[in-house]
Amino acid sequence: MKILTAVLLALFAYSSALAGSPSTRELQFDSDVEPALKKQMTDDLTFIGTVKSAKSTPLHQKIFGSVDGPTYSEWFGSRIFSVGKNSCGSANAVACVIPFMDSNKMWVTKNYTQFDHPQIARVSVIFHEARHSEVQNGNWSHATCPRPFRDENGNDMKSIWTGAMLAGQPACDVTPYGSYGSATIFLKNIGMNCANCTEKVKADADLFGTDQLGRVIDPKAKAAMKADFSNQRSMRVRALAIQ
């Protein structure tokens, strides 16, 4: 009897731990989230959970770990538990986390659904928001973009998602570890290192990663990120040359 009781207690403890682990926790959706949006987001997370690679940059390792599907699933699942719909306080917002309401809940706006963007870009948005769930890091608040805010060619910087002007908006970063910085690092690593992604997925990741890098406005932070990506590219070229 004592043996049976011990076995049952052990099974209960195991099942409780499994049910609460990030990789197995089911993402919850509010009742006003349309079935199509729920399916799209679930499919996006399923896709990123299949990514494979033997390579990753040092900054990626520090933020996410390896370029690896289960690692990504664990990372996201430990931060975002539920999804709802909200205006996020701005007509130009795409998604948000509202820490004083629930740091582990992500809200999406109509801008998340009304524009047709690539799957890897959608994943980068929800990974961006997942970074905002980190209370221990002050939720990685955005920095204010400068006025004027122009790219290397002198063009006004605009949101690649909505087309909104970014000058003077709280839509930039001053560190590689913030939401825009980490999303850039995620995208660039998918573009460079994903072993089982299609060429389109990798091209989309590189395109959106380059755009997001433009929002990192601190010169030292941007230089560190460029060096991170360049070193990885150099390593890949040398490896190909050896083969």
Protein backbone atom coordinates (compact mmCIF):
# COMPACT_ATOMS: atom_id res chain seq x y z
CA MET A 1 0.00 0.00 0.00
CA LYS A 2 2.84 2.37 0.91
CA ILE A 3 4.56 1.56 -2.38
CA LEU A 4 1.35 2.23 -4.33
CA THR A 5 0.83 5.53 -2.52
CA ALA A 6 4.41 6.61 -3.24
CA VAL A 7 4.02 5.73 -6.92
CA LEU A 8 0.76 7.67 -7.17
CA LEU A 9 2.31 10.71 -5.47
CA ALA A 10 5.27 10.57 -7.82
CA LEU A 11 3.01 10.37 -10.87
CA PHE A 12 0.93 13.28 -9.58
CA ALA A 13 4.04 15.41 -9.03
CA TYR A 14 5.34 14.56 -12.51
CA SER A 15 2.04 15.32 -14.23
CA SER A 16 1.70 18.62 -12.34
CA ALA A 17 5.19 19.68 -13.34
CA LEU A 18 4.57 18.67 -16.94
CA ALA A 19 1.29 20.57 -17.09
CA GLY A 20 2.98 23.73 -15.90
CA SER A 21 6.15 23.53 -17.95
CA PRO A 22 6.56 26.26 -20.61
CA SER A 23 7.02 23.82 -23.48
CA THR A 24 3.73 22.02 -22.77
CA ARG A 25 1.56 24.91 -21.51
CA GLU A 26 -1.23 25.62 -23.97
CA LEU A 27 -1.45 29.24 -25.07
CA GLN A 28 -4.80 30.67 -24.00
CA PHE A 29 -6.88 32.97 -26.22
CA ASP A 30 -9.60 35.38 -25.12
CA SER A 31 -13.10 34.72 -26.43
CA ASP A 32 -12.96 37.74 -28.77
CA VAL A 33 -9.93 36.37 -30.63
CA GLU A 34 -11.27 35.12 -33.95
CA PRO A 35 -10.72 31.43 -34.84
CA ALA A 36 -8.71 32.46 -37.93
CA LEU A 37 -6.33 34.59 -35.84
CA LYS A 38 -6.00 31.85 -33.24
CA LYS A 39 -5.16 29.31 -35.95
CA GLN A 40 -2.67 31.64 -37.62
CA MET A 41 -0.80 32.32 -34.39
CA THR A 42 -0.87 28.65 -33.39
CA ASP A 43 0.46 27.68 -36.83
CA ASP A 44 3.20 30.34 -36.57
CA LEU A 45 4.33 28.96 -33.22
CA THR A 46 4.21 25.41 -34.56
CA PHE A 47 6.41 26.48 -37.47
CA ILE A 48 9.05 28.16 -35.32
CA GLY A 49 9.09 25.07 -33.12
CA THR A 50 10.44 23.05 -36.07
CA VAL A 51 13.48 25.23 -36.84
CA LYS A 52 16.86 23.47 -36.92
CA SER A 53 20.41 24.79 -37.04
CA ALA A 54 23.88 23.96 -35.78
CA LYS A 55 24.93 27.64 -35.78
CA SER A 56 23.99 30.77 -33.86
CA THR A 57 25.65 34.09 -33.06
CA PRO A 58 26.94 34.95 -29.57
CA LEU A 59 24.21 37.56 -28.98
CA HIS A 60 21.55 35.05 -30.02
CA GLN A 61 23.01 32.50 -27.62
CA LYS A 62 22.88 35.03 -24.81
CA ILE A 63 19.25 36.03 -25.42
CA PHE A 64 17.55 32.91 -26.77
CA GLY A 65 20.06 30.07 -26.69
CA SER A 66 20.52 27.99 -29.84
CA VAL A 67 18.73 28.52 -33.15
CA ASP A 68 16.48 25.59 -32.39
CA GLY A 69 12.73 24.99 -32.48
CA PRO A 70 12.24 23.49 -29.01
CA THR A 71 14.49 26.21 -27.54
CA TYR A 72 12.33 28.90 -29.15
CA SER A 73 9.13 27.20 -27.95
CA GLU A 74 10.49 27.05 -24.41
CA TRP A 75 11.61 30.68 -24.54
CA PHE A 76 8.26 32.00 -25.75
CA GLY A 77 6.17 29.66 -23.61
CA SER A 78 7.89 30.78 -20.42
CA ARG A 79 6.94 34.40 -21.14
CA ILE A 80 3.55 34.60 -22.85
CA PHE A 81 0.63 32.60 -21.45
CA SER A 82 -2.37 34.22 -23.11
CA VAL A 83 -3.45 36.44 -26.02
CA GLY A 84 -6.20 39.04 -26.29
CA LYS A 85 -7.24 41.98 -28.46
CA ASN A 86 -6.60 45.60 -27.53
CA SER A 87 -5.90 48.95 -29.20
CA CYS A 88 -2.64 49.15 -27.22
CA GLY A 89 -3.19 52.90 -26.89
CA SER A 90 -2.18 53.83 -30.43
CA ALA A 91 -3.63 53.66 -33.92
CA ASN A 92 -0.18 52.62 -35.15
CA ALA A 93 0.41 49.83 -32.62
CA VAL A 94 0.64 46.24 -33.83
CA ALA A 95 0.82 44.39 -30.52
CA CYS A 96 1.74 45.06 -26.90
CA VAL A 97 2.23 43.80 -23.38
CA ILE A 98 0.55 45.86 -20.64
CA PRO A 99 2.58 45.05 -17.53
CA PHE A 100 0.23 46.61 -14.97
CA MET A 101 -2.56 44.36 -16.27
CA ASP A 102 -0.62 41.13 -16.87
CA SER A 103 3.03 40.86 -17.84
CA ASN A 104 2.48 37.42 -19.35
CA LYS A 105 -0.36 38.42 -21.64
CA MET A 106 0.11 39.70 -25.18
CA TRP A 107 -2.44 41.90 -26.87
CA VAL A 108 -2.76 42.28 -30.65
CA THR A 109 -4.41 45.13 -32.53
CA LYS A 110 -6.19 45.25 -35.87
CA ASN A 111 -2.84 46.17 -37.45
CA TYR A 112 -1.57 42.68 -36.64
CA THR A 113 -4.25 41.09 -38.81
CA GLN A 114 -5.10 43.64 -41.52
CA PHE A 115 -1.67 43.64 -43.15
CA ASP A 116 -0.35 40.66 -45.08
CA HIS A 117 3.18 40.08 -43.83
CA PRO A 118 5.41 36.97 -44.00
CA GLN A 119 5.12 34.29 -41.34
CA ILE A 120 8.61 34.88 -39.95
CA ALA A 121 7.77 38.58 -39.56
CA ARG A 122 4.67 37.68 -37.53
CA VAL A 123 6.80 35.44 -35.32
CA SER A 124 9.27 38.28 -34.78
CA VAL A 125 6.40 40.50 -33.55
CA ILE A 126 5.26 38.04 -30.90
CA PHE A 127 8.87 37.38 -29.86
CA HIS A 128 9.32 41.17 -29.58
CA GLU A 129 6.32 41.30 -27.24
CA ALA A 130 7.52 38.29 -25.27
CA ARG A 131 10.65 40.28 -24.41
CA HIS A 132 8.38 42.93 -22.86
CA SER A 133 7.10 40.34 -20.38
CA GLU A 134 10.41 40.33 -18.50
CA VAL A 135 9.56 42.23 -15.33
CA GLN A 136 13.03 41.55 -13.94
CA ASN A 137 14.45 43.62 -16.81
CA GLY A 138 12.03 46.50 -16.50
CA ASN A 139 10.01 45.03 -19.38
CA TRP A 140 12.68 46.33 -21.79
CA SER A 141 11.03 49.70 -22.40
CA HIS A 142 11.37 51.30 -25.83
CA ALA A 143 13.54 54.34 -26.49
CA THR A 144 12.21 57.42 -28.25
CA CYS A 145 13.25 57.64 -31.88
CA PRO A 146 15.10 60.89 -32.78
CA ARG A 147 13.74 63.85 -34.73
CA PRO A 148 14.45 63.76 -37.60
CA PHE A 149 14.81 60.01 -37.98
CA ARG A 150 16.28 58.97 -41.32
CA ASP A 151 17.92 55.89 -42.75
CA GLU A 152 21.40 55.67 -44.32
CA ASN A 153 19.97 57.01 -47.60
CA GLY A 154 18.36 60.04 -45.99
CA ASN A 155 14.81 58.68 -46.18
CA ASP A 156 12.38 59.08 -43.29
CA MET A 157 12.20 55.95 -41.19
CA LYS A 158 8.77 54.34 -41.30
CA SER A 159 7.23 51.24 -39.81
CA ILE A 160 7.68 48.30 -42.18
CA TRP A 161 4.42 46.97 -40.77
CA THR A 162 2.06 49.97 -40.98
CA GLY A 163 3.99 52.66 -42.86
CA ALA A 164 3.71 55.07 -39.91
CA MET A 165 6.43 57.69 -39.40
CA LEU A 166 8.75 56.77 -36.52
CA ALA A 167 10.42 60.12 -35.71
CA GLY A 168 9.70 61.10 -32.12
CA GLN A 169 7.84 57.89 -31.38
CA PRO A 170 8.66 55.39 -28.58
CA ALA A 171 9.62 52.82 -31.19
CA CYS A 172 13.39 52.41 -30.95
CA ASP A 173 16.03 50.66 -28.85
CA VAL A 174 19.41 51.66 -27.41
CA THR A 175 20.55 48.12 -26.62
CA PRO A 176 20.86 44.80 -28.48
CA TYR A 177 18.90 43.17 -25.67
CA GLY A 178 15.67 45.17 -25.95
CA SER A 179 12.60 44.13 -27.89
CA TYR A 180 13.68 45.58 -31.24
CA GLY A 181 17.28 44.52 -30.70
CA SER A 182 16.42 40.94 -29.76
CA ALA A 183 13.90 40.64 -32.61
CA THR A 184 16.62 41.78 -35.01
CA ILE A 185 19.03 39.19 -33.66
CA PHE A 186 16.36 36.49 -33.95
CA LEU A 187 15.55 37.41 -37.56
CA LYS A 188 19.16 37.72 -38.69
CA ASN A 189 20.01 34.33 -37.19
CA ILE A 190 17.07 32.70 -38.97
CA GLY A 191 18.20 34.31 -42.21
CA MET A 192 21.82 33.19 -41.80
CA ASN A 193 21.57 29.94 -39.90
CA CYS A 194 18.25 28.13 -40.31
CA ALA A 195 19.08 24.75 -41.84
CA ASN A 196 15.55 23.65 -42.73
CA CYS A 197 13.90 26.96 -43.68
CA THR A 198 13.01 27.75 -47.27
CA GLU A 199 14.99 30.40 -49.13
CA LYS A 200 11.94 32.66 -48.96
CA VAL A 201 11.73 32.37 -45.17
CA LYS A 202 15.43 33.19 -44.86
CA ALA A 203 15.13 36.13 -47.28
CA ASP A 204 12.09 37.47 -45.40
CA ALA A 205 13.96 37.13 -42.10
CA ASP A 206 16.97 39.02 -43.45
CA LEU A 207 14.79 41.78 -44.93
CA PHE A 208 12.79 42.37 -41.75
CA GLY A 209 15.92 41.98 -39.61
CA THR A 210 17.68 44.73 -41.55
CA ASP A 211 14.65 46.96 -41.08
CA GLN A 212 14.51 46.33 -37.33
CA LEU A 213 18.23 47.00 -36.99
CA GLY A 214 17.46 50.52 -38.16
CA ARG A 215 15.52 51.07 -34.95
CA VAL A 216 18.59 50.49 -32.78
CA ILE A 217 19.73 54.09 -32.43
CA ASP A 218 22.73 53.76 -30.11
CA PRO A 219 25.88 53.61 -32.30
CA LYS A 220 27.77 51.22 -30.00
CA ALA A 221 24.81 48.87 -29.71
CA LYS A 222 24.31 48.82 -33.48
CA ALA A 223 28.03 48.28 -34.09
CA ALA A 224 28.04 45.34 -31.67
CA MET A 225 25.10 43.77 -33.50
CA LYS A 226 26.67 44.25 -36.92
CA ALA A 227 29.88 42.68 -35.65
CA ASP A 228 27.87 39.77 -34.26
CA PHE A 229 26.27 39.14 -37.66
CA SER A 230 29.46 39.74 -39.65
CA ASN A 231 31.52 37.34 -37.55
CA GLN A 232 28.92 34.65 -38.11
CA ARG A 233 28.94 35.24 -41.85
CA SER A 234 32.74 35.05 -41.90
CA MET A 235 32.64 31.78 -39.99
CA ARG A 236 30.18 30.33 -42.50
CA VAL A 237 32.29 31.42 -45.50
CA ARG A 238 35.40 29.81 -44.00
CA ALA A 239 33.48 26.62 -43.27
CA LEU A 240 32.22 26.44 -46.86
CA ALA A 241 35.71 27.08 -48.18
CA ILE A 242 37.12 24.22 -46.10
CA GLN A 243 34.49 21.84 -47.43
